[in-house]
């Protein structure tokens, strides 16, 4: 499960890097309409949990695309944002606040380690 999380993180950073190179129009210069760092941290944590659910054998069917979309959408709905808001915020942080994004991911990883400790104790 940890391997999937690390893989997802690497794919996310790779896709963000690719998006940054391909389309700098997505960058919000002044930071308006950007999800707060605290909320972004919680969303990223939940997105990774959703990814773990999706990649687990529990929910595997022949065609998971509809279910996958609903699982991710439930995370966006929980915080009152759309998928585009989340993606725009990640792009903003990747372009303008990469150090802050690294700190957010460090805290997300710490949350997973705490959760893992709770499960295995």
N, C-alpha and C. Protein backbone atom coordinates (compact mmCIF):
# COMPACT_ATOMS: atom_id res chain seq x y z
N UNK A 1 0.82 -1.18 0.00
CA UNK A 1 0.00 0.00 0.00
C UNK A 1 0.87 1.25 0.00
N UNK A 2 1.95 1.24 0.75
CA UNK A 2 2.86 2.38 0.79
C UNK A 2 3.49 2.59 -0.59
N UNK A 3 3.79 1.49 -1.29
CA UNK A 3 4.38 1.60 -2.62
C UNK A 3 3.44 2.34 -3.56
N UNK A 4 2.14 2.08 -3.45
CA UNK A 4 1.15 2.76 -4.29
C UNK A 4 1.09 4.25 -3.97
N UNK A 5 1.21 4.58 -2.70
CA UNK A 5 1.19 5.99 -2.29
C UNK A 5 2.41 6.72 -2.83
N UNK A 6 3.56 6.09 -2.72
CA UNK A 6 4.78 6.70 -3.23
C UNK A 6 4.69 6.83 -4.74
N UNK A 7 4.20 5.81 -5.41
CA UNK A 7 4.03 5.86 -6.86
C UNK A 7 3.06 6.97 -7.24
N UNK A 8 1.95 7.08 -6.51
CA UNK A 8 0.97 8.14 -6.79
C UNK A 8 1.61 9.51 -6.62
N UNK A 9 2.39 9.69 -5.55
CA UNK A 9 3.06 10.96 -5.30
C UNK A 9 4.03 11.29 -6.44
N UNK A 10 4.80 10.33 -6.88
CA UNK A 10 5.73 10.55 -7.98
C UNK A 10 4.99 10.88 -9.27
N UNK A 11 3.91 10.16 -9.55
CA UNK A 11 3.11 10.45 -10.73
C UNK A 11 2.47 11.83 -10.66
N UNK A 12 2.00 12.21 -9.48
CA UNK A 12 1.39 13.52 -9.30
C UNK A 12 2.40 14.63 -9.56
N UNK A 13 3.58 14.52 -8.97
CA UNK A 13 4.62 15.53 -9.18
C UNK A 13 5.05 15.55 -10.64
N UNK A 14 5.17 14.37 -11.25
CA UNK A 14 5.54 14.31 -12.67
C UNK A 14 4.50 14.97 -13.56
N UNK A 15 3.24 14.68 -13.28
CA UNK A 15 2.18 15.28 -14.10
C UNK A 15 2.09 16.78 -13.87
N UNK A 16 2.33 17.21 -12.64
CA UNK A 16 2.34 18.65 -12.37
C UNK A 16 3.50 19.32 -13.11
N UNK A 17 4.65 18.69 -13.09
CA UNK A 17 5.80 19.25 -13.81
C UNK A 17 5.53 19.34 -15.29
N UNK A 18 4.95 18.29 -15.85
CA UNK A 18 4.62 18.28 -17.26
C UNK A 18 3.59 19.37 -17.58
N UNK A 19 2.58 19.49 -16.72
CA UNK A 19 1.55 20.52 -16.92
C UNK A 19 2.15 21.91 -16.85
N UNK A 20 3.09 22.09 -15.96
CA UNK A 20 3.71 23.41 -15.82
C UNK A 20 4.47 23.78 -17.09
N UNK A 21 5.12 22.82 -17.67
CA UNK A 21 5.87 23.07 -18.89
C UNK A 21 4.92 23.32 -20.05
N UNK A 22 3.84 22.55 -20.12
CA UNK A 22 2.94 22.61 -21.25
C UNK A 22 2.01 23.82 -21.25
N UNK A 23 1.55 24.25 -20.06
CA UNK A 23 0.51 25.27 -20.04
C UNK A 23 0.66 26.18 -18.83
N UNK A 24 1.41 27.25 -19.02
CA UNK A 24 1.63 28.16 -17.91
C UNK A 24 0.43 29.08 -17.68
N UNK A 25 -0.60 29.01 -18.53
CA UNK A 25 -1.81 29.80 -18.35
C UNK A 25 -2.52 29.40 -17.06
N UNK A 26 -2.34 28.17 -16.61
CA UNK A 26 -2.99 27.68 -15.39
C UNK A 26 -2.48 28.36 -14.13
N UNK A 27 -1.38 29.06 -14.23
CA UNK A 27 -0.78 29.69 -13.07
C UNK A 27 -1.57 30.92 -12.66
N UNK A 28 -1.94 31.01 -11.39
CA UNK A 28 -2.60 32.18 -10.86
C UNK A 28 -1.54 33.07 -10.24
N UNK A 29 -1.32 34.22 -10.81
CA UNK A 29 -0.24 35.10 -10.39
C UNK A 29 -0.41 35.62 -8.97
N UNK A 30 -1.61 36.03 -8.60
CA UNK A 30 -1.82 36.68 -7.30
C UNK A 30 -2.31 35.73 -6.21
N UNK A 31 -2.55 34.48 -6.55
CA UNK A 31 -2.97 33.51 -5.55
C UNK A 31 -4.45 33.57 -5.20
N UNK A 32 -5.24 34.33 -5.92
CA UNK A 32 -6.68 34.39 -5.65
C UNK A 32 -7.31 33.04 -5.99
N UNK A 33 -8.36 32.71 -5.25
CA UNK A 33 -9.11 31.48 -5.46
C UNK A 33 -8.26 30.22 -5.26
N UNK A 34 -7.23 30.35 -4.47
CA UNK A 34 -6.36 29.21 -4.18
C UNK A 34 -6.81 28.60 -2.85
N UNK A 35 -6.87 27.30 -2.80
CA UNK A 35 -7.24 26.59 -1.58
C UNK A 35 -6.16 26.84 -0.53
N UNK A 36 -6.58 27.08 0.70
CA UNK A 36 -5.62 27.34 1.78
C UNK A 36 -4.70 26.14 1.98
N UNK A 37 -3.51 26.40 2.50
CA UNK A 37 -2.52 25.33 2.69
C UNK A 37 -3.05 24.25 3.63
N UNK A 38 -3.74 24.66 4.69
CA UNK A 38 -4.26 23.66 5.65
C UNK A 38 -5.30 22.75 5.00
N UNK A 39 -6.21 23.37 4.24
CA UNK A 39 -7.24 22.58 3.56
C UNK A 39 -6.61 21.72 2.47
N UNK A 40 -5.64 22.28 1.75
CA UNK A 40 -4.96 21.52 0.70
C UNK A 40 -4.29 20.29 1.30
N UNK A 41 -3.68 20.44 2.45
CA UNK A 41 -3.04 19.30 3.12
C UNK A 41 -4.05 18.19 3.42
N UNK A 42 -5.20 18.57 3.95
CA UNK A 42 -6.24 17.60 4.25
C UNK A 42 -6.76 16.94 2.97
N UNK A 43 -6.92 17.73 1.92
CA UNK A 43 -7.40 17.19 0.64
C UNK A 43 -6.40 16.21 0.05
N UNK A 44 -5.14 16.56 0.08
CA UNK A 44 -4.10 15.67 -0.47
C UNK A 44 -4.09 14.35 0.32
N UNK A 45 -4.20 14.44 1.63
CA UNK A 45 -4.26 13.23 2.46
C UNK A 45 -5.43 12.36 2.04
N UNK A 46 -6.61 12.97 1.91
CA UNK A 46 -7.81 12.21 1.53
C UNK A 46 -7.72 11.69 0.10
N UNK A 47 -7.11 12.44 -0.80
CA UNK A 47 -6.91 11.97 -2.18
C UNK A 47 -6.05 10.72 -2.19
N UNK A 48 -5.00 10.72 -1.37
CA UNK A 48 -4.15 9.53 -1.30
C UNK A 48 -4.89 8.35 -0.67
N UNK A 49 -5.74 8.62 0.32
CA UNK A 49 -6.56 7.54 0.87
C UNK A 49 -7.51 7.00 -0.19
N UNK A 50 -8.11 7.92 -0.95
CA UNK A 50 -9.00 7.50 -2.04
C UNK A 50 -8.24 6.65 -3.05
N UNK A 51 -7.03 7.06 -3.35
CA UNK A 51 -6.21 6.28 -4.29
C UNK A 51 -5.93 4.88 -3.74
N UNK A 52 -5.68 4.80 -2.44
CA UNK A 52 -5.45 3.48 -1.83
C UNK A 52 -6.69 2.61 -1.93
N UNK A 53 -7.86 3.21 -1.75
CA UNK A 53 -9.11 2.46 -1.87
C UNK A 53 -9.29 1.97 -3.30
N UNK A 54 -9.05 2.87 -4.23
CA UNK A 54 -9.24 2.54 -5.64
C UNK A 54 -8.29 1.43 -6.09
N UNK A 55 -7.06 1.48 -5.62
CA UNK A 55 -6.08 0.49 -6.07
C UNK A 55 -6.16 -0.81 -5.27
N UNK A 56 -6.95 -0.82 -4.20
CA UNK A 56 -7.07 -2.05 -3.42
C UNK A 56 -7.95 -3.05 -4.16
N UNK A 57 -7.85 -4.27 -3.76
CA UNK A 57 -8.64 -5.33 -4.39
C UNK A 57 -10.10 -5.27 -3.96
N UNK A 58 -10.39 -4.50 -2.93
CA UNK A 58 -11.75 -4.41 -2.40
C UNK A 58 -12.71 -3.88 -3.46
N UNK A 59 -12.28 -2.87 -4.21
CA UNK A 59 -13.19 -2.22 -5.15
C UNK A 59 -12.92 -2.57 -6.61
N UNK A 60 -12.07 -3.51 -6.86
CA UNK A 60 -11.75 -3.83 -8.24
C UNK A 60 -12.90 -4.55 -8.94
N UNK A 61 -13.26 -3.99 -10.07
CA UNK A 61 -14.24 -4.61 -10.95
C UNK A 61 -13.66 -4.55 -12.35
N UNK A 62 -14.44 -5.00 -13.33
CA UNK A 62 -13.94 -4.97 -14.70
C UNK A 62 -13.74 -3.54 -15.20
N UNK A 63 -14.65 -2.64 -14.83
CA UNK A 63 -14.54 -1.26 -15.29
C UNK A 63 -14.75 -0.33 -14.10
N UNK A 64 -13.67 0.18 -13.57
CA UNK A 64 -13.71 1.01 -12.37
C UNK A 64 -13.81 2.50 -12.65
N UNK A 65 -13.80 2.94 -13.87
CA UNK A 65 -13.69 4.37 -14.13
C UNK A 65 -14.80 5.18 -13.47
N UNK A 66 -16.02 4.73 -13.51
CA UNK A 66 -17.12 5.47 -12.89
C UNK A 66 -16.95 5.50 -11.38
N UNK A 67 -16.61 4.38 -10.80
CA UNK A 67 -16.41 4.31 -9.35
C UNK A 67 -15.22 5.17 -8.94
N UNK A 68 -14.13 5.11 -9.69
CA UNK A 68 -12.95 5.91 -9.38
C UNK A 68 -13.30 7.39 -9.36
N UNK A 69 -14.04 7.84 -10.34
CA UNK A 69 -14.44 9.25 -10.40
C UNK A 69 -15.27 9.64 -9.19
N UNK A 70 -16.18 8.77 -8.78
CA UNK A 70 -17.02 9.07 -7.63
C UNK A 70 -16.22 9.14 -6.33
N UNK A 71 -15.23 8.27 -6.19
CA UNK A 71 -14.40 8.28 -4.98
C UNK A 71 -13.63 9.59 -4.89
N UNK A 72 -13.00 9.99 -5.98
CA UNK A 72 -12.27 11.26 -5.98
C UNK A 72 -13.23 12.44 -5.80
N UNK A 73 -14.36 12.39 -6.47
CA UNK A 73 -15.34 13.48 -6.38
C UNK A 73 -15.82 13.65 -4.95
N UNK A 74 -15.94 12.55 -4.23
CA UNK A 74 -16.39 12.65 -2.84
C UNK A 74 -15.40 13.44 -1.99
N UNK A 75 -14.12 13.35 -2.30
CA UNK A 75 -13.11 14.14 -1.59
C UNK A 75 -13.29 15.62 -1.91
N UNK A 76 -13.45 15.94 -3.19
CA UNK A 76 -13.64 17.35 -3.56
C UNK A 76 -14.90 17.90 -2.92
N UNK A 77 -15.97 17.12 -2.93
CA UNK A 77 -17.24 17.56 -2.33
C UNK A 77 -17.11 17.78 -0.82
N UNK A 78 -16.36 16.92 -0.17
CA UNK A 78 -16.17 17.01 1.28
C UNK A 78 -15.64 18.39 1.68
N UNK A 79 -14.77 18.94 0.86
CA UNK A 79 -14.16 20.24 1.18
C UNK A 79 -14.80 21.40 0.43
N UNK A 80 -15.79 21.11 -0.41
CA UNK A 80 -16.51 22.17 -1.11
C UNK A 80 -15.77 22.77 -2.29
N UNK A 81 -14.91 21.98 -2.91
CA UNK A 81 -14.16 22.43 -4.08
C UNK A 81 -14.39 21.49 -5.25
N UNK A 82 -14.10 21.99 -6.43
CA UNK A 82 -14.17 21.18 -7.64
C UNK A 82 -12.77 20.62 -7.95
N UNK A 83 -12.75 19.63 -8.80
CA UNK A 83 -11.47 19.04 -9.21
C UNK A 83 -10.56 20.11 -9.81
N UNK A 84 -11.12 21.01 -10.61
CA UNK A 84 -10.32 22.07 -11.21
C UNK A 84 -9.70 22.99 -10.17
N UNK A 85 -10.45 23.28 -9.09
CA UNK A 85 -9.91 24.11 -8.01
C UNK A 85 -8.68 23.44 -7.40
N UNK A 86 -8.80 22.14 -7.17
CA UNK A 86 -7.70 21.38 -6.58
C UNK A 86 -6.49 21.39 -7.51
N UNK A 87 -6.72 21.12 -8.79
CA UNK A 87 -5.63 21.08 -9.76
C UNK A 87 -4.99 22.45 -9.93
N UNK A 88 -5.80 23.51 -9.99
CA UNK A 88 -5.27 24.87 -10.12
C UNK A 88 -4.42 25.24 -8.90
N UNK A 89 -4.87 24.83 -7.74
CA UNK A 89 -4.11 25.12 -6.52
C UNK A 89 -2.77 24.39 -6.54
N UNK A 90 -2.78 23.12 -6.94
CA UNK A 90 -1.51 22.38 -7.03
C UNK A 90 -0.57 23.04 -8.03
N UNK A 91 -1.12 23.48 -9.15
CA UNK A 91 -0.28 24.17 -10.14
C UNK A 91 0.27 25.49 -9.59
N UNK A 92 -0.58 26.23 -8.87
CA UNK A 92 -0.13 27.48 -8.27
C UNK A 92 1.04 27.21 -7.32
N UNK A 93 0.89 26.21 -6.45
CA UNK A 93 1.95 25.88 -5.51
C UNK A 93 3.20 25.38 -6.24
N UNK A 94 3.03 24.59 -7.28
CA UNK A 94 4.18 24.09 -8.04
C UNK A 94 4.93 25.23 -8.72
N UNK A 95 4.21 26.23 -9.20
CA UNK A 95 4.84 27.37 -9.87
C UNK A 95 5.42 28.39 -8.90
N UNK A 96 4.71 28.64 -7.81
CA UNK A 96 5.04 29.78 -6.96
C UNK A 96 5.49 29.46 -5.55
N UNK A 97 5.10 28.31 -5.05
CA UNK A 97 5.38 27.99 -3.65
C UNK A 97 5.80 26.53 -3.51
N UNK A 98 6.78 26.14 -4.27
CA UNK A 98 7.19 24.74 -4.26
C UNK A 98 7.69 24.31 -2.89
N UNK A 99 8.39 25.21 -2.18
CA UNK A 99 8.85 24.87 -0.83
C UNK A 99 7.66 24.61 0.09
N UNK A 100 6.61 25.41 -0.04
CA UNK A 100 5.40 25.21 0.77
C UNK A 100 4.73 23.89 0.42
N UNK A 101 4.70 23.56 -0.86
CA UNK A 101 4.11 22.30 -1.28
C UNK A 101 4.90 21.12 -0.70
N UNK A 102 6.22 21.25 -0.67
CA UNK A 102 7.05 20.20 -0.07
C UNK A 102 6.74 20.04 1.41
N UNK A 103 6.54 21.15 2.11
CA UNK A 103 6.19 21.10 3.53
C UNK A 103 4.83 20.43 3.71
N UNK A 104 3.88 20.78 2.85
CA UNK A 104 2.55 20.17 2.91
C UNK A 104 2.67 18.66 2.73
N UNK A 105 3.45 18.22 1.75
CA UNK A 105 3.61 16.78 1.53
C UNK A 105 4.36 16.11 2.68
N UNK A 106 5.30 16.80 3.29
CA UNK A 106 5.97 16.24 4.46
C UNK A 106 4.96 15.99 5.58
N UNK A 107 4.04 16.94 5.77
CA UNK A 107 3.02 16.77 6.82
C UNK A 107 2.04 15.66 6.45
N UNK A 108 1.72 15.53 5.16
CA UNK A 108 0.83 14.45 4.71
C UNK A 108 1.50 13.10 4.99
N UNK A 109 2.76 12.98 4.68
CA UNK A 109 3.49 11.74 4.94
C UNK A 109 3.53 11.46 6.44
N UNK A 110 3.72 12.51 7.24
CA UNK A 110 3.70 12.33 8.70
C UNK A 110 2.33 11.83 9.17
N UNK A 111 1.26 12.37 8.59
CA UNK A 111 -0.09 11.91 8.92
C UNK A 111 -0.24 10.42 8.60
N UNK A 112 0.28 10.00 7.45
CA UNK A 112 0.18 8.58 7.08
C UNK A 112 0.97 7.72 8.05
N UNK A 113 2.12 8.19 8.46
CA UNK A 113 2.92 7.42 9.42
C UNK A 113 2.19 7.29 10.75
N UNK A 114 1.54 8.36 11.19
CA UNK A 114 0.76 8.31 12.43
C UNK A 114 -0.39 7.33 12.27
N UNK A 115 -1.10 7.42 11.16
CA UNK A 115 -2.23 6.52 10.90
C UNK A 115 -1.76 5.08 10.84
N UNK A 116 -0.63 4.86 10.20
CA UNK A 116 -0.08 3.51 10.11
C UNK A 116 0.24 2.97 11.50
N UNK A 117 0.82 3.83 12.34
CA UNK A 117 1.12 3.42 13.72
C UNK A 117 -0.13 3.08 14.50
N UNK A 118 -1.21 3.83 14.28
CA UNK A 118 -2.47 3.55 14.97
C UNK A 118 -3.05 2.20 14.54
N UNK A 119 -2.88 1.89 13.28
CA UNK A 119 -3.44 0.64 12.73
C UNK A 119 -2.66 -0.56 13.27
N UNK A 120 -1.34 -0.47 13.31
CA UNK A 120 -0.52 -1.61 13.65
C UNK A 120 -0.25 -1.73 15.15
N UNK A 121 -0.73 -0.82 15.95
CA UNK A 121 -0.53 -0.93 17.41
C UNK A 121 -1.70 -1.53 18.09
